[in-house]
Protein backbone atom coordinates (compact mmCIF):
# COMPACT_ATOMS: atom_id res chain seq x y z
CA UNK A 1 36.48 14.02 36.38
CA UNK A 2 37.90 16.02 38.77
CA UNK A 3 37.32 15.33 42.69
CA UNK A 4 37.41 18.32 44.96
CA UNK A 5 38.60 19.09 48.25
CA UNK A 6 39.85 15.71 47.91
CA UNK A 7 43.28 16.38 49.45
CA UNK A 8 45.42 13.79 51.77
CA UNK A 9 47.10 16.36 53.31
CA UNK A 10 50.58 16.88 53.65
CA UNK A 11 51.82 14.16 55.45
CA UNK A 12 53.70 14.12 59.29
CA UNK A 13 57.31 13.90 60.62
CA UNK A 14 58.72 11.56 61.95
CA UNK A 15 59.59 13.29 65.21
CA UNK A 16 57.01 15.61 64.75
CA UNK A 17 55.73 16.79 68.03
CA UNK A 18 51.21 16.80 67.52
CA UNK A 19 48.25 17.00 69.38
CA UNK A 20 45.90 14.48 68.08
CA UNK A 21 41.76 15.21 69.17
CA UNK A 22 40.23 11.76 70.70
CA UNK A 23 36.54 10.96 71.12
CA UNK A 24 34.61 7.89 71.37
CA UNK A 25 31.98 6.67 69.81
CA UNK A 26 28.88 8.44 68.78
CA UNK A 27 25.66 7.91 70.31
CA UNK A 28 24.80 6.57 66.69
CA UNK A 29 27.49 4.10 66.32
CA UNK A 30 25.03 1.03 68.86
CA UNK A 31 28.55 -0.71 68.69
CA UNK A 32 27.49 -1.14 72.65
CA UNK A 33 24.74 -0.05 74.47
CA UNK A 34 25.94 3.20 74.33
CA UNK A 35 29.43 4.57 73.48
CA UNK A 36 32.87 2.86 73.97
CA UNK A 37 34.84 3.53 76.96
CA UNK A 38 37.83 1.10 78.73
CA UNK A 39 35.61 2.23 82.24
CA UNK A 40 32.18 3.71 82.33
CA UNK A 41 29.06 4.34 83.81
CA UNK A 42 25.90 3.23 83.03
CA UNK A 43 23.07 6.07 83.22
CA UNK A 44 20.59 4.28 82.80
CA UNK A 45 20.77 4.14 78.26
CA UNK A 46 23.93 4.80 77.13
CA UNK A 47 27.48 3.91 79.53
CA UNK A 48 28.47 7.83 80.03
CA UNK A 49 32.13 7.71 78.66
CA UNK A 50 34.26 9.89 80.28
CA UNK A 51 38.92 9.83 79.72
CA UNK A 52 40.81 10.12 82.75
CA UNK A 53 43.36 12.67 83.67
CA UNK A 54 46.56 9.73 83.83
CA UNK A 55 44.97 7.97 80.78
CA UNK A 56 47.83 7.03 77.23
CA UNK A 57 47.09 5.97 74.03
CA UNK A 58 49.60 4.26 71.36
CA UNK A 59 49.98 5.90 67.76
CA UNK A 60 51.72 3.37 65.79
CA UNK A 61 52.99 4.26 62.28
CA UNK A 62 54.28 1.88 59.77
CA UNK A 63 56.45 -0.66 62.83
CA UNK A 64 57.03 2.56 64.12
CA UNK A 65 54.88 3.00 67.64
CA UNK A 66 55.18 6.17 70.37
CA UNK A 67 52.77 6.50 74.18
CA UNK A 68 50.74 10.22 73.53
CA UNK A 69 49.26 11.52 77.06
CA UNK A 70 46.25 12.69 77.84
CA UNK A 71 46.38 16.99 77.40
CA UNK A 72 43.38 17.68 78.35
CA UNK A 73 39.27 16.33 78.45
CA UNK A 74 39.95 14.62 81.52
CA UNK A 75 36.31 14.17 82.51
CA UNK A 76 34.44 14.08 79.08
CA UNK A 77 34.16 12.43 76.75
CA UNK A 78 36.77 14.14 73.63
CA UNK A 79 39.77 14.69 74.69
CA UNK A 80 43.58 15.42 73.32
CA UNK A 81 47.13 13.78 73.62
CA UNK A 82 50.35 14.91 73.02
CA UNK A 83 53.46 13.46 71.90
CA UNK A 84 55.71 12.65 69.09
CA UNK A 85 55.00 11.23 65.90
CA UNK A 86 56.98 7.31 65.75
CA UNK A 87 57.59 8.02 61.56
CA UNK A 88 56.30 9.91 59.05
CA UNK A 89 54.12 8.72 56.93
CA UNK A 90 49.54 10.10 56.44
CA UNK A 91 48.29 6.90 58.11
CA UNK A 92 48.63 5.60 61.90
CA UNK A 93 46.76 3.35 64.10
CA UNK A 94 45.71 4.80 67.79
CA UNK A 95 44.56 2.17 70.63
CA UNK A 96 43.87 2.08 74.02
CA UNK A 97 44.89 1.31 75.90
CA UNK A 98 48.58 1.35 75.78
CA UNK A 99 49.68 -2.39 76.21
CA UNK A 100 46.39 -5.40 76.53
CA UNK A 101 46.67 -8.71 77.25
CA UNK A 102 42.91 -10.24 76.32
CA UNK A 103 43.82 -12.43 80.23
CA UNK A 104 42.60 -9.07 81.77
CA UNK A 105 39.08 -10.42 81.36
CA UNK A 106 39.46 -13.98 82.58
CA UNK A 107 39.30 -11.71 86.66
CA UNK A 108 37.69 -8.78 86.00
CA UNK A 109 36.22 -6.71 89.50
CA UNK A 110 32.59 -5.52 89.68
CA UNK A 111 31.62 -1.97 88.76
CA UNK A 112 28.79 -0.78 89.65
CA UNK A 113 26.39 0.48 86.41
CA UNK A 114 29.26 0.26 84.81
CA UNK A 115 32.56 -2.07 84.28
CA UNK A 116 36.53 -1.76 84.90
CA UNK A 117 39.18 0.21 83.86
CA UNK A 118 41.35 -1.06 81.35
CA UNK A 119 39.55 -4.18 80.54
CA UNK A 120 38.04 -2.60 76.75
CA UNK A 121 40.01 -2.37 74.05
CA UNK A 122 39.34 0.47 71.75
CA UNK A 123 41.50 1.01 68.30
CA UNK A 124 41.35 2.85 64.84
CA UNK A 125 43.28 3.39 61.69
CA UNK A 126 43.27 7.28 60.22
CA UNK A 127 44.19 8.02 56.85
CA UNK A 128 45.02 11.59 56.32
CA UNK A 129 45.98 14.57 58.08
CA UNK A 130 46.07 14.79 61.96
CA UNK A 131 43.47 17.95 61.87
CA UNK A 132 40.65 15.57 62.00
CA UNK A 133 41.53 13.68 65.11
CA UNK A 134 40.09 10.38 65.14
CA UNK A 135 37.45 8.38 67.11
CA UNK A 136 37.80 5.15 68.95
CA UNK A 137 35.47 2.18 68.63
CA UNK A 138 35.49 -1.24 70.98
CA UNK A 139 37.26 -4.04 69.64
CA UNK A 140 35.32 -6.26 72.32
CA UNK A 141 32.09 -6.90 73.27
CA UNK A 142 30.03 -5.90 76.77
CA UNK A 143 27.20 -7.91 78.22
CA UNK A 144 25.24 -7.58 80.71
CA UNK A 145 22.95 -9.62 83.05
CA UNK A 146 20.33 -7.81 85.07
CA UNK A 147 20.19 -10.15 88.58
CA UNK A 148 17.28 -9.87 91.69
CA UNK A 149 16.98 -11.91 94.71
CA UNK A 150 18.44 -11.88 98.00
CA UNK A 151 21.57 -13.87 98.03
CA UNK A 152 24.37 -12.27 98.70
CA UNK A 153 27.68 -12.51 96.02
CA UNK A 154 31.02 -13.52 95.59
CA UNK A 155 31.27 -14.50 91.98
CA UNK A 156 29.81 -14.79 88.60
CA UNK A 157 31.54 -17.17 86.26
CA UNK A 158 30.99 -16.51 82.32
CA UNK A 159 31.79 -19.91 80.05
CA UNK A 160 32.63 -20.12 76.21
CA UNK A 161 33.00 -23.75 76.17
CA UNK A 162 33.78 -23.51 72.48
CA UNK A 163 36.87 -21.47 73.66
CA UNK A 164 37.31 -23.41 76.96
CA UNK A 165 37.23 -19.93 78.39
CA UNK A 166 36.23 -18.97 81.43
CA UNK A 167 35.47 -15.11 82.37
CA UNK A 168 34.84 -14.60 86.62
CA UNK A 169 33.41 -11.47 88.11
CA UNK A 170 34.06 -10.71 91.77
CA UNK A 171 31.38 -8.98 93.71
CA UNK A 172 32.25 -10.15 97.19
CA UNK A 173 30.06 -7.54 99.24
CA UNK A 174 27.19 -7.24 96.58
CA UNK A 175 23.79 -8.00 98.32
CA UNK A 176 20.98 -8.30 95.18
CA UNK A 177 17.71 -7.73 96.18
CA UNK A 178 14.06 -6.14 94.43
CA UNK A 179 15.06 -4.15 92.16
CA UNK A 180 17.91 -5.27 89.44
CA UNK A 181 21.06 -5.05 89.24
CA UNK A 182 23.44 -4.57 86.24
CA UNK A 183 26.60 -6.33 86.13
CA UNK A 184 28.80 -6.39 83.04
CA UNK A 185 31.08 -8.69 81.54
CA UNK A 186 34.05 -7.45 78.70
CA UNK A 187 34.78 -10.10 76.62
CA UNK A 188 36.48 -10.95 73.31
CA UNK A 189 33.78 -10.06 70.39
CA UNK A 190 32.45 -12.75 68.71
């Protein structure tokens, strides 16, 4: 009836300075065409995801929240963030970006072979110790369209009549040709 090595770990303390290891979803996650990221570039088989030097995450314990700042890992899919635990406990939630309003999805800007920074809401919930770090997963969905032709584009509008919502992708200066261009929209999941 015993289960060895099944310890929850020592709960963290309010005000405890910690470094958390963060990574994007693995190649096996298949939650988007590739890994999850706030901004990314499609290399043909997946979206390569990297943290930027100024990135921050929020860490929530109970009702208390603190902002953690990227310490290392800029330019890679794995990083460490440092900050102060907002409360005592053994469960914490992480989200990116620090402040997120779904209205940012209404007007997006074309990024060649990718999508814009701050559009992809990501989160995780972690139980136990801080040592293992966490993996962020996408809370939004990614839709890709391939277009060819000879037109110069100013915008593409994706409409969801059921929710009475439009998502506009500004693409001024983009001209189509015989090689397909990919246009990504980040939209609410479901």
